[in-house]
Amino acid sequence: MSQVEALWERLVRAALRRERTGTDAYGRPESGIAANVPSSLPNNRDIDSILRAADEIQDEDPNVSRILCEHAYSLAQNLDPNSEGRGVLQFKTGLMSVIKQKLAKREGGSIDRSLDIARLQEFYKKYREKHNVDELREEEMKLRESGAFSGDLGELERKTVKRKRVFATLKVLGSVLEQLTEEVSPEEAEKLIPEELKRVMESDAAMTQDLVAYNIIPLDAPTITNVIISFPEVRAAVSALKYFRGLPKLPGNFPIPATRDADMLDFLQCVFGFQIIHVCRVKLVLIDFRVSQPGLTLRFKRKEAPSSSICDWKSIFLSEMLVVQKDNVSNQREHIAHLLANEQSRLRVPEELEPKLDETAVQKVFLKSLENYIKWCNYLCIQPVWSNLEAVSKEKKLLFISLYFLIWGEASNVRFLPECLCYIFHHMGRELEEILRQQIAQPASSCVSGNDVSFLDQVIRPLYEVVAAEAANNDNGRAPHSAWRNYDDFNEYFWSLHCFELSWPWRKTSSFFLKPTPRSKDSVGLLDRIINFYDVQSYNSLYFLHIEFSIHFVNTWRYTH
């Protein structure tokens, strides 16, 4: 068995072991209310992590566990106050039952919730001392500096899982503590959380950088125990995507994570405004827990989200909220690294100290990824973005591959219009050629709107809106095909040179973007009614004729036998 096969089998066995034992990546049990957060809640990962931390510390401090559960309930209520999402009502009911049980098991009299911040602060300190967080930090730094695996890889994995679990819990405790202090005045917040504790919390949060979510390859998270990042094919693919000399410089204020170097996908994001983070605005319902005895009652306070710009908001949960989703750029960075590493592994290139991506691997991924675009150009007899493919450098091919997959990853339902994607790639590729001649990366004119740069808003949204308007006007599929445009009709428009009448950026005054007049529900004409009546009557006649024939056949058979 080759080394690659052995390592792959080890990864699969580890995943199956977690599935059988019912634990997550941090070794925490996947059971109870924490394992049943409905996916319809936009921020379900944060709620899930809070509830898992509450389960873990239940035996250590039930009171702090209760605080976390109540905070998770308030987040769920903020995200879906009317419980309209699938499974949200059942989840809230179950979580409220858990809170009631925790209150019933408490020792002593009524609970003073004004002391919740102090309890969390005290528990944070005790939790750090109990798990020797400072020693874990020193061990982690030594392992990162050495950059080598120990002889006992299993022991290294066990220590790493423990470290991640501890720091994940500390991250939850710190974030909840910060969010609760937002409800009090800044003066009181400074008294409740000393500056020294703030520095400790920030330092602990820095050690959770490798807890960033990823699919298979942790490109945005430093790690020394995920063996896939050490494969020569993966190292070669990641190295090939890095920023190269021919690219214009990024603006000084462009954010790059401290855990990795800038690459060509960062450049494309800066130029075309691909999503690095998806932000949704949420109408908030703030929850103020007030418990009366003997029963549990909740008093809700409503507060509207502010009308200021999104950039001015604070990313907190109980006053102003930003709902964050995984970004397109990170997904496609990992996707492209997979494609390149797979092709490199098939070539069986001898291992080197500094592995480099082979030209053949890049060429195969390039031709496979842009096959439809090349066919589209040949069909329309137009020149592709490149004039001579043999003269295109390896770096430029990787740039085109990255551009195409970033377009595809953010295209939404426009993915069902493959030739439309070819048209978009064709024009954005030409824009890219112009931008590459500059010294500093400038936003593409096709994606600029005021002070914002967004490919999704300026390129995809106009297409999506007209496609959605046509689909909403098809009378639930009963309208004749000549009365509305479906996906094939839109896509066939890009099968001829007439599509270039749309220009670039989009000429939104074109009839292509013209939305249909909404169809009335009672727009069925007299002729359609007569035809429908005739069809129904014909069917009924055939149905009763069939019954009559069946009865006659049965009677004949009975008399003859």
Protein backbone atom coordinates (compact mmCIF):
# COMPACT_ATOMS: atom_id res chain seq x y z
CA MET A 1 0.00 0.00 0.00
CA SER A 2 1.38 3.41 -0.99
CA GLN A 3 1.89 6.21 1.52
CA VAL A 4 -1.01 8.21 0.07
CA GLU A 5 -3.39 5.24 0.36
CA ALA A 6 -2.26 4.53 3.92
CA LEU A 7 -2.78 8.13 5.00
CA TRP A 8 -6.18 8.28 3.28
CA GLU A 9 -7.27 5.09 5.05
CA ARG A 10 -6.17 6.61 8.35
CA LEU A 11 -8.26 9.72 7.72
CA VAL A 12 -11.33 7.63 6.87
CA ARG A 13 -10.91 5.45 9.95
CA ALA A 14 -10.66 8.55 12.15
CA ALA A 15 -13.88 9.94 10.68
CA LEU A 16 -15.69 6.63 11.15
CA ARG A 17 -14.41 6.36 14.71
CA ARG A 18 -15.87 9.78 15.53
CA GLU A 19 -19.16 8.74 13.94
CA ARG A 20 -19.36 5.51 15.96
CA THR A 21 -18.42 7.14 19.23
CA GLY A 22 -20.70 10.11 18.61
CA THR A 23 -18.09 12.84 19.15
CA ASP A 24 -17.20 15.96 17.23
CA ALA A 25 -13.76 17.08 16.04
CA TYR A 26 -12.91 18.27 19.58
CA GLY A 27 -13.84 14.98 21.24
CA ARG A 28 -17.04 16.33 22.74
CA PRO A 29 -20.14 14.08 22.70
CA GLU A 30 -22.71 14.74 19.96
CA SER A 31 -25.84 14.20 21.99
CA GLY A 32 -28.65 16.07 23.69
CA ILE A 33 -30.01 19.43 22.63
CA ALA A 34 -26.60 20.53 21.27
CA ALA A 35 -26.79 17.97 18.48
CA ASN A 36 -30.23 19.11 17.34
CA VAL A 37 -29.84 22.80 16.51
CA PRO A 38 -32.02 23.30 13.39
CA SER A 39 -30.18 24.26 10.22
CA SER A 40 -32.89 26.82 9.45
CA LEU A 41 -31.34 29.12 12.07
CA PRO A 42 -28.76 31.25 10.20
CA ASN A 43 -26.28 31.31 13.09
CA ASN A 44 -26.78 27.72 14.21
CA ARG A 45 -23.04 27.02 14.55
CA ASP A 46 -22.63 29.62 17.30
CA ILE A 47 -25.66 28.27 19.15
CA ASP A 48 -24.36 24.72 18.74
CA SER A 49 -20.91 25.60 20.14
CA ILE A 50 -22.48 27.38 23.14
CA LEU A 51 -24.68 24.40 23.96
CA ARG A 52 -21.79 21.94 23.61
CA ALA A 53 -19.74 24.05 26.01
CA ALA A 54 -22.72 24.10 28.40
CA ASP A 55 -22.91 20.29 28.30
CA GLU A 56 -19.19 19.97 28.93
CA ILE A 57 -19.09 22.21 32.01
CA GLN A 58 -22.40 21.01 33.49
CA ASP A 59 -20.68 18.90 36.13
CA GLU A 60 -18.12 21.58 36.96
CA ASP A 61 -20.55 24.47 37.41
CA PRO A 62 -24.28 23.96 36.68
CA ASN A 63 -24.93 27.66 37.21
CA VAL A 64 -22.58 28.68 34.39
CA SER A 65 -24.08 25.96 32.20
CA ARG A 66 -27.50 27.50 32.85
CA ILE A 67 -26.19 30.94 31.82
CA LEU A 68 -24.91 29.55 28.51
CA CYS A 69 -28.21 27.78 27.79
CA GLU A 70 -30.21 30.94 28.45
CA HIS A 71 -27.88 32.89 26.16
CA ALA A 72 -28.28 30.26 23.42
CA TYR A 73 -32.06 30.56 23.78
CA SER A 74 -31.86 34.35 23.40
CA LEU A 75 -29.81 33.93 20.20
CA ALA A 76 -32.36 31.52 18.77
CA GLN A 77 -35.18 33.92 19.66
CA ASN A 78 -33.34 36.82 18.01
CA LEU A 79 -32.76 34.86 14.81
CA ASP A 80 -36.32 33.52 14.51
CA PRO A 81 -38.67 35.30 16.93
CA ASN A 82 -41.81 33.77 15.38
CA SER A 83 -40.40 30.21 15.17
CA GLU A 84 -41.15 30.03 11.45
CA GLY A 85 -38.12 27.92 10.48
CA ARG A 86 -38.28 24.17 10.25
CA GLY A 87 -37.73 22.60 13.67
CA VAL A 88 -37.17 25.93 15.43
CA LEU A 89 -40.27 25.71 17.64
CA GLN A 90 -39.37 22.16 18.76
CA PHE A 91 -35.78 23.25 19.43
CA LYS A 92 -36.86 26.24 21.52
CA THR A 93 -39.32 24.11 23.48
CA GLY A 94 -36.64 21.51 24.19
CA LEU A 95 -34.08 24.12 25.17
CA MET A 96 -36.55 25.82 27.49
CA SER A 97 -37.24 22.44 29.09
CA VAL A 98 -33.50 22.01 29.69
CA ILE A 99 -33.31 25.47 31.29
CA LYS A 100 -36.24 24.63 33.57
CA GLN A 101 -34.53 21.39 34.64
CA LYS A 102 -31.32 23.26 35.45
CA LEU A 103 -33.31 25.76 37.51
CA ALA A 104 -35.14 22.97 39.33
CA LYS A 105 -31.85 21.30 40.29
CA ARG A 106 -30.29 24.48 41.64
CA GLU A 107 -29.31 24.77 45.26
CA GLY A 108 -30.50 27.69 47.34
CA GLY A 109 -33.13 30.32 46.65
CA SER A 110 -33.88 32.50 43.65
CA ILE A 111 -31.22 33.37 41.08
CA ASP A 112 -29.83 36.88 40.82
CA ARG A 113 -29.05 37.29 37.13
CA SER A 114 -27.23 40.54 37.71
CA LEU A 115 -24.37 38.38 38.95
CA ASP A 116 -24.14 36.30 35.76
CA ILE A 117 -21.20 38.30 34.38
CA ALA A 118 -19.28 37.93 37.64
CA ARG A 119 -19.97 34.18 37.69
CA LEU A 120 -18.75 33.78 34.11
CA GLN A 121 -15.63 35.81 34.85
CA GLU A 122 -14.77 33.75 37.92
CA PHE A 123 -15.41 30.47 36.13
CA TYR A 124 -13.22 31.57 33.19
CA LYS A 125 -10.27 31.98 35.55
CA LYS A 126 -10.89 28.64 37.31
CA TYR A 127 -11.26 26.79 34.01
CA ARG A 128 -7.90 28.14 32.80
CA GLU A 129 -6.18 27.08 36.02
CA LYS A 130 -7.75 23.62 36.06
CA HIS A 131 -6.63 22.78 32.50
CA ASN A 132 -3.20 24.43 32.74
CA VAL A 133 -3.86 26.64 29.75
CA ASP A 134 -0.47 28.37 30.00
CA GLU A 135 1.30 25.00 29.71
CA LEU A 136 -0.88 24.07 26.74
CA ARG A 137 0.15 27.31 25.08
CA GLU A 138 3.85 26.60 25.65
CA GLU A 139 3.54 23.07 24.27
CA GLU A 140 1.67 24.39 21.24
CA MET A 141 4.33 26.99 20.52
CA LYS A 142 7.10 24.41 20.79
CA LEU A 143 5.30 22.05 18.43
CA ARG A 144 4.72 24.84 15.92
CA GLU A 145 8.33 25.98 16.07
CA SER A 146 9.67 22.45 15.64
CA GLY A 147 7.30 21.77 12.70
CA ALA A 148 7.89 18.03 13.10
CA PHE A 149 5.73 15.12 14.19
CA SER A 150 6.62 13.22 17.31
CA GLY A 151 7.27 9.52 17.18
CA ASP A 152 3.89 8.73 18.76
CA LEU A 153 1.42 10.35 16.38
CA GLY A 154 -1.54 9.02 18.37
CA GLU A 155 -0.35 10.77 21.52
CA LEU A 156 0.15 13.97 19.55
CA GLU A 157 -3.40 13.76 18.21
CA ARG A 158 -4.81 13.14 21.70
CA LYS A 159 -3.03 16.21 23.09
CA THR A 160 -4.14 18.31 20.14
CA VAL A 161 -7.79 17.30 20.53
CA LYS A 162 -7.64 18.16 24.22
CA ARG A 163 -6.05 21.54 23.52
CA LYS A 164 -8.64 22.36 20.88
CA ARG A 165 -11.49 21.37 23.20
CA VAL A 166 -10.16 23.55 26.03
CA PHE A 167 -9.58 26.58 23.82
CA ALA A 168 -12.94 26.11 22.08
CA THR A 169 -14.68 26.22 25.47
CA LEU A 170 -12.67 29.28 26.50
CA LYS A 171 -13.62 30.95 23.24
CA VAL A 172 -17.32 30.37 23.96
CA LEU A 173 -17.01 31.62 27.53
CA GLY A 174 -15.14 34.72 26.41
CA SER A 175 -17.55 35.57 23.60
CA VAL A 176 -20.63 35.14 25.84
CA LEU A 177 -18.96 37.25 28.52
CA GLU A 178 -18.27 40.04 26.03
CA GLN A 179 -21.82 39.90 24.64
CA LEU A 180 -23.39 40.11 28.09
CA THR A 181 -21.32 43.17 28.98
CA GLU A 182 -22.77 44.96 25.95
CA GLU A 183 -26.05 45.21 27.86
CA VAL A 184 -24.49 47.38 30.59
CA SER A 185 -22.89 50.80 30.40
CA PRO A 186 -19.21 51.08 29.33
CA GLU A 187 -18.25 52.25 32.84
CA GLU A 188 -19.82 49.20 34.46
CA ALA A 189 -18.32 46.92 31.80
CA GLU A 190 -14.80 48.16 32.63
CA LYS A 191 -15.41 47.39 36.31
CA LEU A 192 -16.79 43.91 35.58
CA ILE A 193 -13.99 42.86 33.21
CA PRO A 194 -10.55 44.18 34.22
CA GLU A 195 -8.02 45.07 31.54
CA GLU A 196 -5.79 42.20 32.61
CA LEU A 197 -8.58 39.68 32.00
CA LYS A 198 -9.32 41.27 28.63
CA ARG A 199 -5.70 40.76 27.59
CA VAL A 200 -5.83 37.14 28.73
CA MET A 201 -9.03 36.55 26.77
CA GLU A 202 -7.54 38.11 23.64
CA SER A 203 -4.43 35.96 24.03
CA ASP A 204 -6.54 32.81 24.43
CA ALA A 205 -8.64 33.77 21.41
CA ALA A 206 -5.45 34.00 19.33
CA MET A 207 -4.79 30.33 20.11
CA THR A 208 -8.11 29.33 18.48
CA GLN A 209 -7.01 30.32 14.99
CA ASP A 210 -6.71 26.68 14.00
CA LEU A 211 -10.36 26.15 14.97
CA VAL A 212 -11.42 27.86 11.74
CA ALA A 213 -13.90 25.66 9.87
CA TYR A 214 -12.61 23.94 6.73
CA ASN A 215 -13.60 21.00 4.54
CA ILE A 216 -10.48 18.83 4.14
CA ILE A 217 -7.44 21.10 3.72
CA PRO A 218 -6.99 23.69 6.52
CA LEU A 219 -5.60 26.49 4.35
CA ASP A 220 -6.75 29.33 6.63
CA ALA A 221 -5.84 27.57 9.87
CA PRO A 222 -2.35 26.65 11.12
CA THR A 223 -2.09 22.98 12.00
CA ILE A 224 0.64 20.44 12.59
CA THR A 225 -1.44 17.31 13.11
CA ASN A 226 -3.60 17.25 9.97
CA VAL A 227 -1.32 15.16 7.80
CA ILE A 228 -2.96 16.15 4.52
CA ILE A 229 -1.31 19.57 4.70
CA SER A 230 2.10 17.84 4.67
CA PHE A 231 1.47 15.90 1.43
CA PRO A 232 3.90 17.11 -1.26
CA GLU A 233 1.04 17.42 -3.78
CA VAL A 234 -0.93 19.68 -1.44
CA ARG A 235 2.12 21.75 -0.56
CA ALA A 236 2.90 22.20 -4.25
CA ALA A 237 -0.70 23.23 -5.04
CA VAL A 238 -0.87 25.74 -2.19
CA SER A 239 2.53 27.19 -3.10
CA ALA A 240 1.49 27.59 -6.77
CA LEU A 241 -1.52 29.73 -5.80
CA LYS A 242 0.58 32.27 -3.91
CA TYR A 243 1.02 35.85 -5.05
CA PHE A 244 3.48 36.03 -7.93
CA ARG A 245 5.60 38.87 -9.21
CA GLY A 246 3.42 39.81 -12.20
CA LEU A 247 0.37 40.65 -10.11
CA PRO A 248 -0.35 44.27 -9.16
CA LYS A 249 0.14 45.06 -5.49
CA LEU A 250 -2.81 44.83 -3.15
CA PRO A 251 -3.94 48.05 -1.43
CA GLY A 252 -2.36 48.56 1.98
CA ASN A 253 -5.69 48.25 3.81
CA PHE A 254 -6.68 44.95 2.18
CA PRO A 255 -7.14 42.34 4.97
CA ILE A 256 -5.00 39.21 4.82
CA PRO A 257 -5.22 36.59 7.63
CA ALA A 258 -2.11 36.34 9.75
CA THR A 259 -2.17 32.55 9.34
CA ARG A 260 -1.24 32.55 5.63
CA ASP A 261 0.33 34.62 2.86
CA ALA A 262 -1.58 36.52 0.18
CA ASP A 263 -2.45 34.55 -2.96
CA MET A 264 -4.04 35.13 -6.35
CA LEU A 265 -7.55 34.53 -5.01
CA ASP A 266 -7.06 37.47 -2.65
CA PHE A 267 -6.13 39.55 -5.70
CA LEU A 268 -9.27 38.47 -7.59
CA GLN A 269 -11.43 39.18 -4.55
CA CYS A 270 -9.95 42.66 -4.28
CA VAL A 271 -10.53 43.39 -7.98
CA PHE A 272 -13.98 41.85 -8.57
CA GLY A 273 -15.49 41.90 -5.09
CA PHE A 274 -16.11 38.20 -4.65
CA GLN A 275 -17.56 37.27 -1.29
CA ILE A 276 -15.06 36.91 1.54
CA ILE A 277 -17.90 37.08 4.03
CA HIS A 278 -21.67 37.05 3.65
CA VAL A 279 -23.49 39.45 5.94
CA CYS A 280 -27.24 39.41 6.50
CA ARG A 281 -29.18 42.04 8.38
CA VAL A 282 -31.45 40.66 11.07
CA LYS A 283 -34.36 42.32 12.86
CA LEU A 284 -33.62 41.79 16.51
CA VAL A 285 -35.70 40.76 19.47
CA LEU A 286 -33.73 41.29 22.65
CA ILE A 287 -34.53 38.96 25.48
CA ASP A 288 -34.37 39.97 29.10
CA PHE A 289 -34.65 36.98 31.39
CA ARG A 290 -36.73 37.63 34.47
CA VAL A 291 -37.61 34.52 36.43
CA SER A 292 -40.44 34.52 38.92
CA GLN A 293 -41.10 31.70 41.30
CA PRO A 294 -42.41 29.05 41.37
CA GLY A 295 -42.94 29.05 37.56
CA LEU A 296 -40.60 30.29 34.85
CA THR A 297 -41.74 33.32 32.88
CA LEU A 298 -39.81 35.30 30.29
CA ARG A 299 -40.24 38.95 29.51
CA PHE A 300 -39.27 39.98 25.98
CA LYS A 301 -37.99 43.39 24.97
CA ARG A 302 -38.15 44.36 21.30
CA LYS A 303 -35.56 46.56 19.72
CA GLU A 304 -35.16 47.34 16.03
CA ALA A 305 -31.80 47.12 14.32
CA PRO A 306 -30.20 50.51 13.71
CA SER A 307 -30.46 52.20 10.34
CA SER A 308 -26.75 53.00 10.12
CA SER A 309 -24.38 51.43 7.64
CA ILE A 310 -23.40 47.80 8.06
CA CYS A 311 -19.79 48.87 8.38
CA ASP A 312 -20.66 50.83 11.52
CA TRP A 313 -22.28 47.87 13.26
CA LYS A 314 -20.61 45.91 16.01
CA SER A 315 -20.57 42.17 15.67
CA ILE A 316 -22.47 41.41 18.84
CA PHE A 317 -25.54 39.32 19.39
CA LEU A 318 -27.80 41.12 21.83
CA SER A 319 -27.93 44.64 20.43
CA GLU A 320 -26.81 44.64 16.80
CA MET A 321 -26.22 41.44 14.89
CA LEU A 322 -24.35 40.35 11.76
CA VAL A 323 -25.17 36.88 10.51
CA VAL A 324 -22.00 35.44 8.93
CA GLN A 325 -21.78 32.59 6.45
CA LYS A 326 -18.84 30.73 4.96
CA ASP A 327 -17.31 32.71 2.11
CA ASN A 328 -16.97 31.80 -1.55
CA VAL A 329 -13.27 32.70 -1.79
CA SER A 330 -12.17 30.26 0.95
CA ASN A 331 -14.30 27.46 -0.51
CA GLN A 332 -12.89 27.89 -4.00
CA ARG A 333 -9.32 28.22 -2.69
CA GLU A 334 -9.64 24.79 -1.14
CA HIS A 335 -11.49 23.43 -4.20
CA ILE A 336 -8.74 24.51 -6.61
CA ALA A 337 -6.02 23.17 -4.31
CA HIS A 338 -7.80 19.79 -4.37
CA LEU A 339 -7.99 19.72 -8.17
CA LEU A 340 -4.33 20.61 -8.58
CA ALA A 341 -3.14 18.19 -5.90
CA ASN A 342 -5.14 15.33 -7.44
CA GLU A 343 -3.61 15.87 -10.88
CA GLN A 344 -0.14 16.20 -9.37
CA SER A 345 -0.54 12.91 -7.50
CA ARG A 346 -1.47 11.08 -10.72
CA LEU A 347 1.80 12.16 -12.32
CA ARG A 348 3.82 10.42 -9.56
CA VAL A 349 6.36 13.25 -9.45
CA PRO A 350 9.40 12.39 -7.28
CA GLU A 351 9.28 14.04 -3.85
CA GLU A 352 11.43 17.12 -3.28
CA LEU A 353 12.22 19.26 -0.27
CA GLU A 354 10.34 22.15 -1.91
CA PRO A 355 7.75 20.48 -4.15
CA LYS A 356 6.67 22.41 -7.23
CA LEU A 357 3.49 22.02 -9.25
CA ASP A 358 4.13 20.35 -12.59
CA GLU A 359 3.16 22.17 -15.80
CA THR A 360 1.28 19.08 -16.98
CA ALA A 361 -0.96 19.07 -13.89
CA VAL A 362 -1.82 22.75 -14.42
CA GLN A 363 -2.52 22.17 -18.12
CA LYS A 364 -4.90 19.27 -17.41
CA VAL A 365 -6.86 21.19 -14.78
CA PHE A 366 -6.95 24.23 -17.07
CA LEU A 367 -8.34 22.33 -20.07
CA LYS A 368 -10.81 20.35 -17.99
CA SER A 369 -12.12 23.40 -16.12
CA LEU A 370 -12.39 25.71 -19.14
CA GLU A 371 -13.43 23.06 -21.66
CA ASN A 372 -16.92 24.50 -22.13
CA TYR A 373 -15.57 28.03 -22.54
CA ILE A 374 -13.10 26.89 -25.23
CA LYS A 375 -15.92 25.06 -27.09
CA TRP A 376 -18.14 28.14 -26.78
CA CYS A 377 -15.47 30.35 -28.35
CA ASN A 378 -14.93 27.86 -31.18
CA TYR A 379 -18.68 27.62 -31.82
CA LEU A 380 -19.05 31.42 -32.06
CA CYS A 381 -15.76 31.76 -33.96
CA ILE A 382 -14.37 34.31 -31.49
CA GLN A 383 -10.92 34.68 -29.99
CA PRO A 384 -10.64 33.44 -26.36
CA VAL A 385 -9.20 35.67 -23.66
CA TRP A 386 -5.75 34.38 -24.59
CA SER A 387 -4.39 34.75 -28.12
CA ASN A 388 -1.96 31.83 -27.96
CA LEU A 389 -2.51 29.14 -25.32
CA GLU A 390 1.05 27.85 -25.56
CA ALA A 391 2.36 31.29 -24.65
CA VAL A 392 0.22 31.54 -21.51
CA SER A 393 2.34 31.07 -18.38
CA LYS A 394 1.53 28.61 -15.61
CA GLU A 395 0.66 31.47 -13.25
CA LYS A 396 -1.73 33.04 -15.78
CA LYS A 397 -3.49 29.69 -16.28
CA LEU A 398 -3.94 29.33 -12.54
CA LEU A 399 -5.34 32.86 -12.47
CA PHE A 400 -7.91 31.99 -15.15
CA ILE A 401 -8.85 28.78 -13.33
CA SER A 402 -9.34 30.71 -10.11
CA LEU A 403 -11.43 33.37 -11.84
CA TYR A 404 -13.71 30.79 -13.44
CA PHE A 405 -14.38 28.89 -10.21
CA LEU A 406 -14.96 32.11 -8.25
CA ILE A 407 -17.57 33.08 -10.88
CA TRP A 408 -19.17 29.64 -10.70
CA GLY A 409 -19.15 29.55 -6.91
CA GLU A 410 -21.12 32.79 -6.62
CA ALA A 411 -23.40 32.36 -9.64
CA SER A 412 -26.40 30.96 -7.74
CA ASN A 413 -29.07 29.68 -10.19
CA VAL A 414 -27.15 31.22 -13.09
CA ARG A 415 -25.07 28.02 -12.95
CA PHE A 416 -27.91 26.49 -14.96
CA LEU A 417 -26.88 28.83 -17.82
CA PRO A 418 -23.42 27.46 -18.68
CA GLU A 419 -22.97 29.53 -21.83
CA CYS A 420 -23.96 32.64 -19.88
CA LEU A 421 -21.12 31.85 -17.48
CA CYS A 422 -18.82 31.62 -20.50
CA TYR A 423 -19.95 35.10 -21.56
CA ILE A 424 -19.28 36.47 -18.07
CA PHE A 425 -15.86 34.79 -17.87
CA HIS A 426 -14.96 36.07 -21.33
CA HIS A 427 -15.52 39.71 -20.42
CA MET A 428 -14.10 39.46 -16.91
CA GLY A 429 -11.01 37.80 -18.35
CA ARG A 430 -10.54 40.77 -20.68
CA GLU A 431 -10.98 43.13 -17.74
CA LEU A 432 -8.39 41.12 -15.86
CA GLU A 433 -5.87 41.58 -18.68
CA GLU A 434 -6.25 45.36 -18.42
CA ILE A 435 -5.93 45.35 -14.62
CA LEU A 436 -2.74 43.25 -14.77
CA ARG A 437 -1.03 46.15 -16.55
CA GLN A 438 -1.46 48.39 -13.50
CA GLN A 439 0.91 48.79 -10.56
CA ILE A 440 -1.75 48.58 -7.84
CA ALA A 441 -4.88 46.43 -8.03
CA GLN A 442 -7.93 48.54 -8.93
CA PRO A 443 -11.60 47.45 -8.76
CA ALA A 444 -13.13 46.25 -12.03
CA SER A 445 -15.64 48.70 -13.52
CA SER A 446 -18.20 45.94 -14.07
CA CYS A 447 -18.44 45.25 -10.32
CA VAL A 448 -18.32 48.78 -8.91
CA SER A 449 -21.38 50.52 -7.53
CA GLY A 450 -20.63 53.68 -5.59
CA ASN A 451 -18.08 52.81 -2.93
CA ASP A 452 -18.81 49.08 -3.04
CA VAL A 453 -17.27 46.35 -5.19
CA SER A 454 -19.53 43.31 -5.50
CA PHE A 455 -19.63 40.71 -8.24
CA LEU A 456 -22.81 39.25 -6.76
CA ASP A 457 -24.74 42.55 -6.82
CA GLN A 458 -23.55 43.94 -10.13
CA VAL A 459 -23.21 40.82 -12.30
CA ILE A 460 -25.34 38.00 -10.89
CA ARG A 461 -28.26 39.83 -9.29
CA PRO A 462 -29.61 41.38 -12.58
CA LEU A 463 -29.62 37.93 -14.20
CA TYR A 464 -31.12 36.22 -11.20
CA GLU A 465 -33.93 38.75 -10.87
CA VAL A 466 -35.13 38.39 -14.46
CA VAL A 467 -34.89 34.57 -14.32
CA ALA A 468 -36.83 34.56 -11.05
CA ALA A 469 -39.46 36.91 -12.47
CA GLU A 470 -40.03 34.62 -15.46
CA ALA A 471 -40.24 31.54 -13.24
CA ALA A 472 -42.77 33.26 -10.98
CA ASN A 473 -44.91 34.03 -14.04
CA ASN A 474 -45.29 30.47 -15.35
CA ASP A 475 -48.54 29.74 -13.48
CA ASN A 476 -46.89 26.89 -11.55
CA GLY A 477 -45.77 25.27 -14.80
CA ARG A 478 -49.22 25.40 -16.44
CA ALA A 479 -48.46 28.36 -18.71
CA PRO A 480 -47.52 27.46 -22.32
CA HIS A 481 -43.81 27.49 -23.09
CA SER A 482 -44.28 30.35 -25.53
CA ALA A 483 -45.58 32.57 -22.71
CA TRP A 484 -42.45 32.63 -20.55
CA ARG A 485 -38.71 32.06 -20.71
CA ASN A 486 -37.17 29.10 -18.91
CA TYR A 487 -33.50 28.30 -18.26
CA ASP A 488 -32.98 26.86 -21.75
CA ASP A 489 -34.42 29.97 -23.39
CA PHE A 490 -32.06 32.22 -21.45
CA ASN A 491 -29.08 29.99 -22.13
CA GLU A 492 -29.78 29.65 -25.86
CA TYR A 493 -29.53 33.42 -26.17
CA PHE A 494 -25.80 33.02 -25.62
CA TRP A 495 -25.47 30.55 -28.49
CA SER A 496 -25.18 33.32 -31.07
CA LEU A 497 -23.21 36.52 -31.50
CA HIS A 498 -26.37 38.50 -30.69
CA CYS A 499 -25.54 37.97 -27.01
CA PHE A 500 -22.73 40.56 -27.32
CA GLU A 501 -25.46 43.20 -27.64
CA LEU A 502 -25.68 42.96 -23.85
CA SER A 503 -22.27 44.66 -23.77
CA TRP A 504 -20.12 44.81 -20.63
CA PRO A 505 -20.88 45.94 -17.97
CA TRP A 506 -24.45 44.78 -18.49
CA ARG A 507 -26.64 47.01 -20.67
CA LYS A 508 -29.64 46.68 -18.38
CA THR A 509 -31.91 48.52 -20.82
CA SER A 510 -31.74 45.54 -23.17
CA SER A 511 -34.93 43.56 -23.79
CA PHE A 512 -33.09 40.54 -22.37
CA PHE A 513 -33.42 42.05 -18.88
CA LEU A 514 -37.05 43.06 -19.40
CA LYS A 515 -39.22 41.47 -16.71
CA PRO A 516 -42.61 40.06 -17.72
CA THR A 517 -45.92 41.57 -16.72
CA PRO A 518 -47.28 39.57 -13.77
CA ARG A 519 -49.90 37.10 -14.94
CA SER A 520 -53.35 37.44 -13.40
CA LYS A 521 -54.74 34.40 -11.62
CA ASP A 522 -58.03 34.71 -13.57
CA SER A 523 -56.39 35.26 -16.95
CA VAL A 524 -57.65 31.99 -18.44
CA GLY A 525 -59.60 32.82 -21.61
CA LEU A 526 -62.95 31.44 -22.79
CA LEU A 527 -61.29 29.23 -25.39
CA ASP A 528 -58.98 27.72 -22.74
CA ARG A 529 -61.99 27.02 -20.51
CA ILE A 530 -63.84 25.27 -23.38
CA ILE A 531 -60.79 23.16 -24.20
CA ASN A 532 -60.28 22.22 -20.56
CA PHE A 533 -63.97 21.30 -20.26
CA TYR A 534 -63.75 19.17 -23.40
CA ASP A 535 -60.65 17.38 -22.08
CA VAL A 536 -62.34 16.60 -18.77
CA GLN A 537 -65.53 15.37 -20.43
CA SER A 538 -63.55 13.20 -22.86
CA TYR A 539 -61.67 11.63 -19.98
CA ASN A 540 -64.92 10.98 -18.07
CA SER A 541 -66.50 9.37 -21.13
CA LEU A 542 -63.54 7.05 -21.58
CA TYR A 543 -63.55 6.22 -17.87
CA PHE A 544 -67.23 5.23 -17.76
CA LEU A 545 -66.90 3.35 -21.05
CA HIS A 546 -64.10 1.32 -19.53
CA ILE A 547 -66.25 0.50 -16.46
CA GLU A 548 -69.19 -0.51 -18.63
CA PHE A 549 -67.01 -2.76 -20.78
CA SER A 550 -65.51 -4.38 -17.66
CA ILE A 551 -68.99 -5.16 -16.23
CA HIS A 552 -70.14 -6.59 -19.56
CA PHE A 553 -67.04 -8.78 -19.76
CA VAL A 554 -67.55 -10.11 -16.22
CA ASN A 555 -71.21 -10.93 -16.84
CA THR A 556 -70.39 -12.71 -20.11
CA TRP A 557 -67.69 -14.77 -18.43
CA ARG A 558 -70.09 -15.80 -15.60
CA TYR A 559 -72.84 -16.93 -18.02
CA THR A 560 -70.41 -18.94 -20.20
CA HIS A 561 -68.88 -20.69 -17.20
